[in-house]
C-alpha atoms as a PDB file:
ATOM      1  CA  UNK A   1      15.745 -43.347 -36.986  1.00  0.00           C
ATOM      2  CA  UNK A   2      18.649 -44.621 -39.062  1.00  0.00           C
ATOM      3  CA  UNK A   3      18.891 -47.850 -40.705  1.00  0.00           C
ATOM      4  CA  UNK A   4      21.840 -48.629 -38.620  1.00  0.00           C
ATOM      5  CA  UNK A   5      19.590 -47.846 -35.503  1.00  0.00           C
ATOM      6  CA  UNK A   6      16.831 -49.903 -36.777  1.00  0.00           C
ATOM      7  CA  UNK A   7      19.320 -52.867 -37.328  1.00  0.00           C
ATOM      8  CA  UNK A   8      20.514 -52.435 -33.847  1.00  0.00           C
ATOM      9  CA  UNK A   9      16.947 -52.729 -32.362  1.00  0.00           C
ATOM     10  CA  UNK A  10      16.513 -56.080 -34.293  1.00  0.00           C
ATOM     11  CA  UNK A  11      19.773 -57.405 -32.968  1.00  0.00           C
ATOM     12  CA  UNK A  12      18.788 -56.428 -29.317  1.00  0.00           C
ATOM     13  CA  UNK A  13      15.233 -57.948 -29.896  1.00  0.00           C
ATOM     14  CA  UNK A  14      16.603 -61.362 -30.988  1.00  0.00           C
ATOM     15  CA  UNK A  15      17.612 -62.365 -27.596  1.00  0.00           C
ATOM     16  CA  UNK A  16      14.274 -61.641 -26.146  1.00  0.00           C
ATOM     17  CA  UNK A  17      10.777 -63.116 -26.513  1.00  0.00           C
ATOM     18  CA  UNK A  18       9.808 -61.302 -30.017  1.00  0.00           C
ATOM     19  CA  UNK A  19       6.110 -61.422 -29.197  1.00  0.00           C
ATOM     20  CA  UNK A  20       6.720 -59.202 -26.170  1.00  0.00           C
ATOM     21  CA  UNK A  21       9.102 -56.795 -28.056  1.00  0.00           C
ATOM     22  CA  UNK A  22       6.659 -54.930 -30.616  1.00  0.00           C
ATOM     23  CA  UNK A  23       9.471 -52.439 -31.441  1.00  0.00           C
ATOM     24  CA  UNK A  24      11.469 -55.581 -32.732  1.00  0.00           C
ATOM     25  CA  UNK A  25       8.631 -56.589 -34.923  1.00  0.00           C
ATOM     26  CA  UNK A  26       8.103 -53.121 -36.337  1.00  0.00           C
ATOM     27  CA  UNK A  27      11.757 -52.651 -36.941  1.00  0.00           C
ATOM     28  CA  UNK A  28      12.118 -55.990 -38.632  1.00  0.00           C
ATOM     29  CA  UNK A  29       9.072 -55.496 -41.006  1.00  0.00           C
ATOM     30  CA  UNK A  30      10.486 -52.039 -41.809  1.00  0.00           C
ATOM     31  CA  UNK A  31      13.951 -53.172 -42.815  1.00  0.00           C
ATOM     32  CA  UNK A  32      12.582 -56.035 -44.719  1.00  0.00           C
ATOM     33  CA  UNK A  33      10.289 -53.988 -46.821  1.00  0.00           C
ATOM     34  CA  UNK A  34      12.308 -52.362 -49.661  1.00  0.00           C
ATOM     35  CA  UNK A  35      10.077 -49.179 -49.908  1.00  0.00           C
ATOM     36  CA  UNK A  36      10.311 -48.479 -46.267  1.00  0.00           C
ATOM     37  CA  UNK A  37      14.003 -49.260 -46.106  1.00  0.00           C
ATOM     38  CA  UNK A  38      14.659 -46.797 -48.932  1.00  0.00           C
ATOM     39  CA  UNK A  39      12.797 -44.209 -47.027  1.00  0.00           C
ATOM     40  CA  UNK A  40      14.771 -44.718 -43.839  1.00  0.00           C
ATOM     41  CA  UNK A  41      18.066 -44.810 -45.784  1.00  0.00           C
ATOM     42  CA  UNK A  42      17.146 -41.136 -46.707  1.00  0.00           C
ATOM     43  CA  UNK A  43      16.128 -39.967 -43.244  1.00  0.00           C
ATOM     44  CA  UNK A  44      18.493 -38.439 -40.770  1.00  0.00           C
ATOM     45  CA  UNK A  45      18.311 -37.220 -37.261  1.00  0.00           C
ATOM     46  CA  UNK A  46      20.298 -34.193 -36.027  1.00  0.00           C
ATOM     47  CA  UNK A  47      21.771 -34.651 -32.633  1.00  0.00           C
ATOM     48  CA  UNK A  48      22.537 -31.478 -30.385  1.00  0.00           C
ATOM     49  CA  UNK A  49      24.873 -32.287 -27.532  1.00  0.00           C
ATOM     50  CA  UNK A  50      24.257 -35.936 -27.952  1.00  0.00           C
ATOM     51  CA  UNK A  51      20.553 -35.497 -27.709  1.00  0.00           C
ATOM     52  CA  UNK A  52      17.979 -36.212 -30.576  1.00  0.00           C
ATOM     53  CA  UNK A  53      15.190 -34.393 -28.581  1.00  0.00           C
ATOM     54  CA  UNK A  54      15.784 -30.868 -27.680  1.00  0.00           C
ATOM     55  CA  UNK A  55      14.045 -27.448 -27.140  1.00  0.00           C
ATOM     56  CA  UNK A  56      11.852 -26.044 -29.894  1.00  0.00           C
ATOM     57  CA  UNK A  57      14.044 -22.850 -30.359  1.00  0.00           C
ATOM     58  CA  UNK A  58      17.133 -25.119 -31.036  1.00  0.00           C
ATOM     59  CA  UNK A  59      15.124 -27.001 -33.584  1.00  0.00           C
ATOM     60  CA  UNK A  60      13.774 -23.807 -35.102  1.00  0.00           C
ATOM     61  CA  UNK A  61      17.242 -22.419 -35.458  1.00  0.00           C
ATOM     62  CA  UNK A  62      18.578 -25.633 -37.128  1.00  0.00           C
ATOM     63  CA  UNK A  63      15.718 -25.382 -39.652  1.00  0.00           C
ATOM     64  CA  UNK A  64      16.578 -21.787 -40.535  1.00  0.00           C
ATOM     65  CA  UNK A  65      20.236 -22.734 -40.983  1.00  0.00           C
ATOM     66  CA  UNK A  66      19.349 -25.682 -43.139  1.00  0.00           C
ATOM     67  CA  UNK A  67      17.024 -23.949 -45.401  1.00  0.00           C
ATOM     68  CA  UNK A  68      19.600 -22.765 -47.948  1.00  0.00           C
ATOM     69  CA  UNK A  69      20.754 -26.449 -48.120  1.00  0.00           C
ATOM     70  CA  UNK A  70      17.280 -27.602 -48.775  1.00  0.00           C
ATOM     71  CA  UNK A  71      16.841 -24.917 -51.543  1.00  0.00           C
ATOM     72  CA  UNK A  72      19.963 -26.063 -53.252  1.00  0.00           C
ATOM     73  CA  UNK A  73      18.450 -29.588 -53.598  1.00  0.00           C
ATOM     74  CA  UNK A  74      21.212 -31.252 -51.589  1.00  0.00           C
ATOM     75  CA  UNK A  75      18.387 -32.327 -49.085  1.00  0.00           C
ATOM     76  CA  UNK A  76      14.912 -32.845 -50.175  1.00  0.00           C
ATOM     77  CA  UNK A  77      12.938 -31.946 -47.095  1.00  0.00           C
ATOM     78  CA  UNK A  78      13.276 -30.747 -43.555  1.00  0.00           C
ATOM     79  CA  UNK A  79      10.846 -32.149 -40.967  1.00  0.00           C
ATOM     80  CA  UNK A  80      10.467 -31.251 -37.246  1.00  0.00           C
ATOM     81  CA  UNK A  81       8.514 -33.567 -35.003  1.00  0.00           C
ATOM     82  CA  UNK A  82       6.890 -32.611 -31.648  1.00  0.00           C
ATOM     83  CA  UNK A  83       7.959 -35.371 -29.137  1.00  0.00           C
ATOM     84  CA  UNK A  84       5.395 -34.329 -26.561  1.00  0.00           C
ATOM     85  CA  UNK A  85       2.843 -37.200 -26.491  1.00  0.00           C
ATOM     86  CA  UNK A  86       0.059 -34.667 -25.530  1.00  0.00           C
ATOM     87  CA  UNK A  87       0.552 -32.945 -28.895  1.00  0.00           C
ATOM     88  CA  UNK A  88       0.695 -36.103 -31.053  1.00  0.00           C
ATOM     89  CA  UNK A  89      -1.963 -38.776 -31.948  1.00  0.00           C
ATOM     90  CA  UNK A  90      -1.276 -41.955 -30.057  1.00  0.00           C
ATOM     91  CA  UNK A  91      -1.007 -45.355 -31.845  1.00  0.00           C
ATOM     92  CA  UNK A  92      -4.125 -47.688 -31.628  1.00  0.00           C
ATOM     93  CA  UNK A  93      -3.948 -50.095 -28.726  1.00  0.00           C
ATOM     94  CA  UNK A  94      -3.416 -52.922 -31.179  1.00  0.00           C
ATOM     95  CA  UNK A  95       0.060 -51.354 -32.051  1.00  0.00           C
ATOM     96  CA  UNK A  96       1.096 -50.864 -28.458  1.00  0.00           C
ATOM     97  CA  UNK A  97       0.794 -54.635 -27.554  1.00  0.00           C
END
């Protein structure tokens, strides 16, 4: 998620009851923490046909195409994330308020 999107989440959350909007609280804490903000300023999401979630084959092909750029040092790391909740640990109940 880009810093621009993080700030957008905060703007949308301001008009709602913040205690019932956990993403707002997380986002606000993230952009107010200099170390976290620095991390997210360096993170980017690739969209394919206006989608940030796409088939694994597409993600694998993008990774192969980006490897030369990563090796050159222009980008420091390529990460892929499996968006299927069944394949990912879920946050503790406390975080899902």
